[in-house]
Amino acid sequence: GRMPKPIFEVSELKTQLARGAQLVDVMPAEDFAEDHLPGAINIPLRDLNAGTAATLRRERPVIAYCDDFA
């Protein structure tokens, strides 16, 4: 399959993280345990709701990602 076009270039992602953005991996916990980006927080997509989103800091941007391109 074709790789989707990234929303952020790596350099922009690094800039956002340096400014305090929160990196959220939405993969299932077992996949997150195997591999994830440094500093990422795991909130599996199936568990993403108002309660789990409330654990994030509202004053800081959130960047969600998923690397399941299969």
PDB file of N, CA and C in Angstrom:
ATOM      1  N   GLY A   1       0.803  -1.184   0.000  1.00  0.00           N
ATOM      2  CA  GLY A   1       0.000   0.000   0.000  1.00  0.00           C
ATOM      3  C   GLY A   1       0.858   1.266   0.000  1.00  0.00           C
ATOM      4  N   ARG A   2       0.216   2.361  -0.257  1.00  0.00           N
ATOM      5  CA  ARG A   2       0.874   3.660  -0.309  1.00  0.00           C
ATOM      6  C   ARG A   2       0.931   4.254   1.088  1.00  0.00           C
ATOM      7  N   MET A   3       2.082   4.824   1.435  1.00  0.00           N
ATOM      8  CA  MET A   3       2.218   5.463   2.744  1.00  0.00           C
ATOM      9  C   MET A   3       1.445   6.775   2.735  1.00  0.00           C
ATOM     10  N   PRO A   4       0.680   7.035   3.795  1.00  0.00           N
ATOM     11  CA  PRO A   4      -0.037   8.310   3.842  1.00  0.00           C
ATOM     12  C   PRO A   4       0.938   9.471   3.996  1.00  0.00           C
ATOM     13  N   LYS A   5       0.537  10.603   3.486  1.00  0.00           N
ATOM     14  CA  LYS A   5       1.376  11.788   3.612  1.00  0.00           C
ATOM     15  C   LYS A   5       1.372  12.256   5.065  1.00  0.00           C
ATOM     16  N   PRO A   6       2.557  12.491   5.636  1.00  0.00           N
ATOM     17  CA  PRO A   6       2.571  12.931   7.034  1.00  0.00           C
ATOM     18  C   PRO A   6       1.939  14.309   7.192  1.00  0.00           C
ATOM     19  N   ILE A   7       1.260  14.488   8.315  1.00  0.00           N
ATOM     20  CA  ILE A   7       0.666  15.789   8.612  1.00  0.00           C
ATOM     21  C   ILE A   7       1.771  16.743   9.052  1.00  0.00           C
ATOM     22  N   PHE A   8       2.745  16.200   9.780  1.00  0.00           N
ATOM     23  CA  PHE A   8       3.897  16.978  10.235  1.00  0.00           C
ATOM     24  C   PHE A   8       5.158  16.388   9.633  1.00  0.00           C
ATOM     25  N   GLU A   9       6.058  17.239   9.225  1.00  0.00           N
ATOM     26  CA  GLU A   9       7.395  16.771   8.904  1.00  0.00           C
ATOM     27  C   GLU A   9       8.100  16.521  10.233  1.00  0.00           C
ATOM     28  N   VAL A  10       9.126  15.673  10.229  1.00  0.00           N
ATOM     29  CA  VAL A  10       9.831  15.332  11.468  1.00  0.00           C
ATOM     30  C   VAL A  10      10.379  16.579  12.152  1.00  0.00           C
ATOM     31  N   SER A  11      10.916  17.511  11.377  1.00  0.00           N
ATOM     32  CA  SER A  11      11.481  18.726  11.973  1.00  0.00           C
ATOM     33  C   SER A  11      10.407  19.542  12.692  1.00  0.00           C
ATOM     34  N   GLU A  12       9.200  19.621  12.111  1.00  0.00           N
ATOM     35  CA  GLU A  12       8.101  20.353  12.741  1.00  0.00           C
ATOM     36  C   GLU A  12       7.642  19.634  14.003  1.00  0.00           C
ATOM     37  N   LEU A  13       7.588  18.306  13.945  1.00  0.00           N
ATOM     38  CA  LEU A  13       7.217  17.519  15.113  1.00  0.00           C
ATOM     39  C   LEU A  13       8.199  17.773  16.257  1.00  0.00           C
ATOM     40  N   LYS A  14       9.482  17.756  15.956  1.00  0.00           N
ATOM     41  CA  LYS A  14      10.497  18.012  16.985  1.00  0.00           C
ATOM     42  C   LYS A  14      10.345  19.411  17.563  1.00  0.00           C
ATOM     43  N   THR A  15      10.036  20.382  16.731  1.00  0.00           N
ATOM     44  CA  THR A  15       9.827  21.756  17.199  1.00  0.00           C
ATOM     45  C   THR A  15       8.630  21.814  18.137  1.00  0.00           C
ATOM     46  N   GLN A  16       7.518  21.176  17.747  1.00  0.00           N
ATOM     47  CA  GLN A  16       6.322  21.173  18.577  1.00  0.00           C
ATOM     48  C   GLN A  16       6.585  20.503  19.926  1.00  0.00           C
ATOM     49  N   LEU A  17       7.306  19.386  19.917  1.00  0.00           N
ATOM     50  CA  LEU A  17       7.623  18.685  21.161  1.00  0.00           C
ATOM     51  C   LEU A  17       8.524  19.526  22.049  1.00  0.00           C
ATOM     52  N   ALA A  18       9.476  20.222  21.446  1.00  0.00           N
ATOM     53  CA  ALA A  18      10.369  21.095  22.211  1.00  0.00           C
ATOM     54  C   ALA A  18       9.594  22.235  22.861  1.00  0.00           C
ATOM     55  N   ARG A  19       8.470  22.623  22.248  1.00  0.00           N
ATOM     56  CA  ARG A  19       7.618  23.684  22.805  1.00  0.00           C
ATOM     57  C   ARG A  19       6.617  23.150  23.821  1.00  0.00           C
ATOM     58  N   GLY A  20       6.668  21.853  24.118  1.00  0.00           N
ATOM     59  CA  GLY A  20       5.818  21.286  25.155  1.00  0.00           C
ATOM     60  C   GLY A  20       4.620  20.494  24.684  1.00  0.00           C
ATOM     61  N   ALA A  21       4.526  20.205  23.384  1.00  0.00           N
ATOM     62  CA  ALA A  21       3.399  19.408  22.901  1.00  0.00           C
ATOM     63  C   ALA A  21       3.440  18.010  23.520  1.00  0.00           C
ATOM     64  N   GLN A  22       2.256  17.447  23.726  1.00  0.00           N
ATOM     65  CA  GLN A  22       2.134  16.099  24.265  1.00  0.00           C
ATOM     66  C   GLN A  22       1.960  15.127  23.104  1.00  0.00           C
ATOM     67  N   LEU A  23       2.754  14.069  23.089  1.00  0.00           N
ATOM     68  CA  LEU A  23       2.711  13.079  22.027  1.00  0.00           C
ATOM     69  C   LEU A  23       1.903  11.884  22.518  1.00  0.00           C
ATOM     70  N   VAL A  24       0.792  11.603  21.844  1.00  0.00           N
ATOM     71  CA  VAL A  24      -0.104  10.528  22.271  1.00  0.00           C
ATOM     72  C   VAL A  24      -0.138   9.436  21.215  1.00  0.00           C
ATOM     73  N   ASP A  25       0.265   8.240  21.611  1.00  0.00           N
ATOM     74  CA  ASP A  25       0.220   7.064  20.753  1.00  0.00           C
ATOM     75  C   ASP A  25      -1.132   6.387  20.991  1.00  0.00           C
ATOM     76  N   VAL A  26      -1.932   6.213  19.936  1.00  0.00           N
ATOM     77  CA  VAL A  26      -3.269   5.636  20.088  1.00  0.00           C
ATOM     78  C   VAL A  26      -3.324   4.142  19.751  1.00  0.00           C
ATOM     79  N   MET A  27      -2.164   3.510  19.642  1.00  0.00           N
ATOM     80  CA  MET A  27      -2.109   2.070  19.391  1.00  0.00           C
ATOM     81  C   MET A  27      -2.525   1.311  20.648  1.00  0.00           C
ATOM     82  N   PRO A  28      -2.982   0.058  20.502  1.00  0.00           N
ATOM     83  CA  PRO A  28      -3.298  -0.771  21.669  1.00  0.00           C
ATOM     84  C   PRO A  28      -2.081  -0.893  22.589  1.00  0.00           C
ATOM     85  N   ALA A  29      -2.342  -1.083  23.872  1.00  0.00           N
ATOM     86  CA  ALA A  29      -1.273  -1.121  24.878  1.00  0.00           C
ATOM     87  C   ALA A  29      -0.198  -2.145  24.552  1.00  0.00           C
ATOM     88  N   GLU A  30      -0.596  -3.313  24.009  1.00  0.00           N
ATOM     89  CA  GLU A  30       0.409  -4.335  23.711  1.00  0.00           C
ATOM     90  C   GLU A  30       1.360  -3.877  22.609  1.00  0.00           C
ATOM     91  N   ASP A  31       0.850  -3.149  21.612  1.00  0.00           N
ATOM     92  CA  ASP A  31       1.706  -2.625  20.549  1.00  0.00           C
ATOM     93  C   ASP A  31       2.578  -1.490  21.083  1.00  0.00           C
ATOM     94  N   PHE A  32       2.017  -0.657  21.941  1.00  0.00           N
ATOM     95  CA  PHE A  32       2.778   0.432  22.551  1.00  0.00           C
ATOM     96  C   PHE A  32       3.944  -0.132  23.354  1.00  0.00           C
ATOM     97  N   ALA A  33       3.708  -1.233  24.076  1.00  0.00           N
ATOM     98  CA  ALA A  33       4.754  -1.854  24.890  1.00  0.00           C
ATOM     99  C   ALA A  33       5.901  -2.359  24.016  1.00  0.00           C
ATOM    100  N   GLU A  34       5.584  -2.804  22.802  1.00  0.00           N
ATOM    101  CA  GLU A  34       6.610  -3.312  21.886  1.00  0.00           C
ATOM    102  C   GLU A  34       7.466  -2.184  21.325  1.00  0.00           C
ATOM    103  N   ASP A  35       6.825  -1.073  20.961  1.00  0.00           N
ATOM    104  CA  ASP A  35       7.572   0.016  20.331  1.00  0.00           C
ATOM    105  C   ASP A  35       6.726   1.286  20.317  1.00  0.00           C
ATOM    106  N   HIS A  36       7.357   2.400  20.668  1.00  0.00           N
ATOM    107  CA  HIS A  36       6.699   3.700  20.591  1.00  0.00           C
ATOM    108  C   HIS A  36       7.751   4.789  20.539  1.00  0.00           C
ATOM    109  N   LEU A  37       7.329   5.973  20.150  1.00  0.00           N
ATOM    110  CA  LEU A  37       8.255   7.094  20.083  1.00  0.00           C
ATOM    111  C   LEU A  37       8.629   7.536  21.496  1.00  0.00           C
ATOM    112  N   PRO A  38       9.873   7.981  21.680  1.00  0.00           N
ATOM    113  CA  PRO A  38      10.310   8.422  23.013  1.00  0.00           C
ATOM    114  C   PRO A  38       9.418   9.534  23.557  1.00  0.00           C
ATOM    115  N   GLY A  39       9.020   9.384  24.804  1.00  0.00           N
ATOM    116  CA  GLY A  39       8.208  10.402  25.464  1.00  0.00           C
ATOM    117  C   GLY A  39       6.722  10.321  25.193  1.00  0.00           C
ATOM    118  N   ALA A  40       6.301   9.352  24.377  1.00  0.00           N
ATOM    119  CA  ALA A  40       4.881   9.240  24.042  1.00  0.00           C
ATOM    120  C   ALA A  40       4.067   8.732  25.227  1.00  0.00           C
ATOM    121  N   ILE A  41       2.823   9.181  25.273  1.00  0.00           N
ATOM    122  CA  ILE A  41       1.831   8.732  26.244  1.00  0.00           C
ATOM    123  C   ILE A  41       0.905   7.781  25.485  1.00  0.00           C
ATOM    124  N   ASN A  42       0.529   6.668  26.097  1.00  0.00           N
ATOM    125  CA  ASN A  42      -0.363   5.721  25.419  1.00  0.00           C
ATOM    126  C   ASN A  42      -1.803   5.898  25.884  1.00  0.00           C
ATOM    127  N   ILE A  43      -2.666   6.256  24.945  1.00  0.00           N
ATOM    128  CA  ILE A  43      -4.116   6.218  25.168  1.00  0.00           C
ATOM    129  C   ILE A  43      -4.686   5.477  23.955  1.00  0.00           C
ATOM    130  N   PRO A  44      -4.905   4.169  24.087  1.00  0.00           N
ATOM    131  CA  PRO A  44      -5.426   3.413  22.945  1.00  0.00           C
ATOM    132  C   PRO A  44      -6.701   4.052  22.405  1.00  0.00           C
ATOM    133  N   LEU A  45      -6.833   4.066  21.091  1.00  0.00           N
ATOM    134  CA  LEU A  45      -7.972   4.714  20.444  1.00  0.00           C
ATOM    135  C   LEU A  45      -9.295   4.200  21.000  1.00  0.00           C
ATOM    136  N   ARG A  46      -9.389   2.888  21.265  1.00  0.00           N
ATOM    137  CA  ARG A  46     -10.647   2.331  21.794  1.00  0.00           C
ATOM    138  C   ARG A  46     -10.953   2.848  23.199  1.00  0.00           C
ATOM    139  N   ASP A  47      -9.934   3.378  23.888  1.00  0.00           N
ATOM    140  CA  ASP A  47     -10.124   3.904  25.241  1.00  0.00           C
ATOM    141  C   ASP A  47     -10.188   5.431  25.280  1.00  0.00           C
ATOM    142  N   LEU A  48     -10.078   6.057  24.121  1.00  0.00           N
ATOM    143  CA  LEU A  48     -10.067   7.518  24.076  1.00  0.00           C
ATOM    144  C   LEU A  48     -11.480   8.058  24.298  1.00  0.00           C
ATOM    145  N   ASN A  49     -11.656   8.772  25.386  1.00  0.00           N
ATOM    146  CA  ASN A  49     -12.949   9.352  25.713  1.00  0.00           C
ATOM    147  C   ASN A  49     -12.693  10.579  26.578  1.00  0.00           C
ATOM    148  N   ALA A  50     -13.735  11.188  27.059  1.00  0.00           N
ATOM    149  CA  ALA A  50     -13.569  12.412  27.854  1.00  0.00           C
ATOM    150  C   ALA A  50     -12.719  12.161  29.097  1.00  0.00           C
ATOM    151  N   GLY A  51     -12.886  10.988  29.705  1.00  0.00           N
ATOM    152  CA  GLY A  51     -12.125  10.679  30.913  1.00  0.00           C
ATOM    153  C   GLY A  51     -10.636  10.530  30.655  1.00  0.00           C
ATOM    154  N   THR A  52     -10.282   9.758  29.626  1.00  0.00           N
ATOM    155  CA  THR A  52      -8.853   9.568  29.339  1.00  0.00           C
ATOM    156  C   THR A  52      -8.245  10.847  28.764  1.00  0.00           C
ATOM    157  N   ALA A  53      -9.015  11.584  27.982  1.00  0.00           N
ATOM    158  CA  ALA A  53      -8.505  12.854  27.441  1.00  0.00           C
ATOM    159  C   ALA A  53      -8.260  13.854  28.567  1.00  0.00           C
ATOM    160  N   ALA A  54      -8.999  13.730  29.652  1.00  0.00           N
ATOM    161  CA  ALA A  54      -8.836  14.650  30.782  1.00  0.00           C
ATOM    162  C   ALA A  54      -7.487  14.487  31.474  1.00  0.00           C
ATOM    163  N   THR A  55      -6.784  13.372  31.190  1.00  0.00           N
ATOM    164  CA  THR A  55      -5.454  13.172  31.784  1.00  0.00           C
ATOM    165  C   THR A  55      -4.398  14.032  31.088  1.00  0.00           C
ATOM    166  N   LEU A  56      -4.748  14.586  29.937  1.00  0.00           N
ATOM    167  CA  LEU A  56      -3.818  15.434  29.186  1.00  0.00           C
ATOM    168  C   LEU A  56      -3.890  16.870  29.705  1.00  0.00           C
ATOM    169  N   ARG A  57      -2.799  17.596  29.542  1.00  0.00           N
ATOM    170  CA  ARG A  57      -2.756  18.990  29.988  1.00  0.00           C
ATOM    171  C   ARG A  57      -3.432  19.865  28.933  1.00  0.00           C
ATOM    172  N   ARG A  58      -4.498  20.528  29.304  1.00  0.00           N
ATOM    173  CA  ARG A  58      -5.292  21.323  28.358  1.00  0.00           C
ATOM    174  C   ARG A  58      -4.527  22.501  27.763  1.00  0.00           C
ATOM    175  N   GLU A  59      -3.550  23.018  28.493  1.00  0.00           N
ATOM    176  CA  GLU A  59      -2.827  24.193  28.005  1.00  0.00           C
ATOM    177  C   GLU A  59      -1.714  23.845  27.017  1.00  0.00           C
ATOM    178  N   ARG A  60      -1.465  22.559  26.813  1.00  0.00           N
ATOM    179  CA  ARG A  60      -0.407  22.139  25.890  1.00  0.00           C
ATOM    180  C   ARG A  60      -0.995  21.423  24.680  1.00  0.00           C
ATOM    181  N   PRO A  61      -0.447  21.689  23.488  1.00  0.00           N
ATOM    182  CA  PRO A  61      -0.951  21.009  22.284  1.00  0.00           C
ATOM    183  C   PRO A  61      -0.797  19.493  22.411  1.00  0.00           C
ATOM    184  N   VAL A  62      -1.651  18.772  21.713  1.00  0.00           N
ATOM    185  CA  VAL A  62      -1.609  17.311  21.683  1.00  0.00           C
ATOM    186  C   VAL A  62      -1.381  16.866  20.243  1.00  0.00           C
ATOM    187  N   ILE A  63      -0.432  15.975  20.058  1.00  0.00           N
ATOM    188  CA  ILE A  63      -0.187  15.381  18.749  1.00  0.00           C
ATOM    189  C   ILE A  63      -0.431  13.885  18.903  1.00  0.00           C
ATOM    190  N   ALA A  64      -1.465  13.379  18.253  1.00  0.00           N
ATOM    191  CA  ALA A  64      -1.788  11.950  18.306  1.00  0.00           C
ATOM    192  C   ALA A  64      -1.207  11.280  17.080  1.00  0.00           C
ATOM    193  N   TYR A  65      -0.736  10.053  17.280  1.00  0.00           N
ATOM    194  CA  TYR A  65      -0.214   9.307  16.133  1.00  0.00           C
ATOM    195  C   TYR A  65      -0.514   7.834  16.280  1.00  0.00           C
ATOM    196  N   CYS A  66      -0.481   7.155  15.143  1.00  0.00           N
ATOM    197  CA  CYS A  66      -0.674   5.717  15.065  1.00  0.00           C
ATOM    198  C   CYS A  66       0.190   5.243  13.906  1.00  0.00           C
ATOM    199  N   ASP A  67       1.005   4.205  14.129  1.00  0.00           N
ATOM    200  CA  ASP A  67       1.877   3.768  13.043  1.00  0.00           C
ATOM    201  C   ASP A  67       1.413   2.484  12.398  1.00  0.00           C
ATOM    202  N   ASP A  68       0.127   2.179  12.472  1.00  0.00           N
ATOM    203  CA  ASP A  68      -0.423   0.961  11.869  1.00  0.00           C
ATOM    204  C   ASP A  68      -0.826   1.252  10.428  1.00  0.00           C
ATOM    205  N   PHE A  69       0.116   1.060   9.508  1.00  0.00           N
ATOM    206  CA  PHE A  69      -0.137   1.359   8.093  1.00  0.00           C
ATOM    207  C   PHE A  69      -0.427   0.098   7.294  1.00  0.00           C
ATOM    208  N   ALA A  70      -0.677  -1.017   7.983  1.00  0.00           N
ATOM    209  CA  ALA A  70      -0.897  -2.295   7.290  1.00  0.00           C
ATOM    210  C   ALA A  70      -2.196  -2.264   6.507  1.00  0.00           C
TER     211      ALA A  70
END
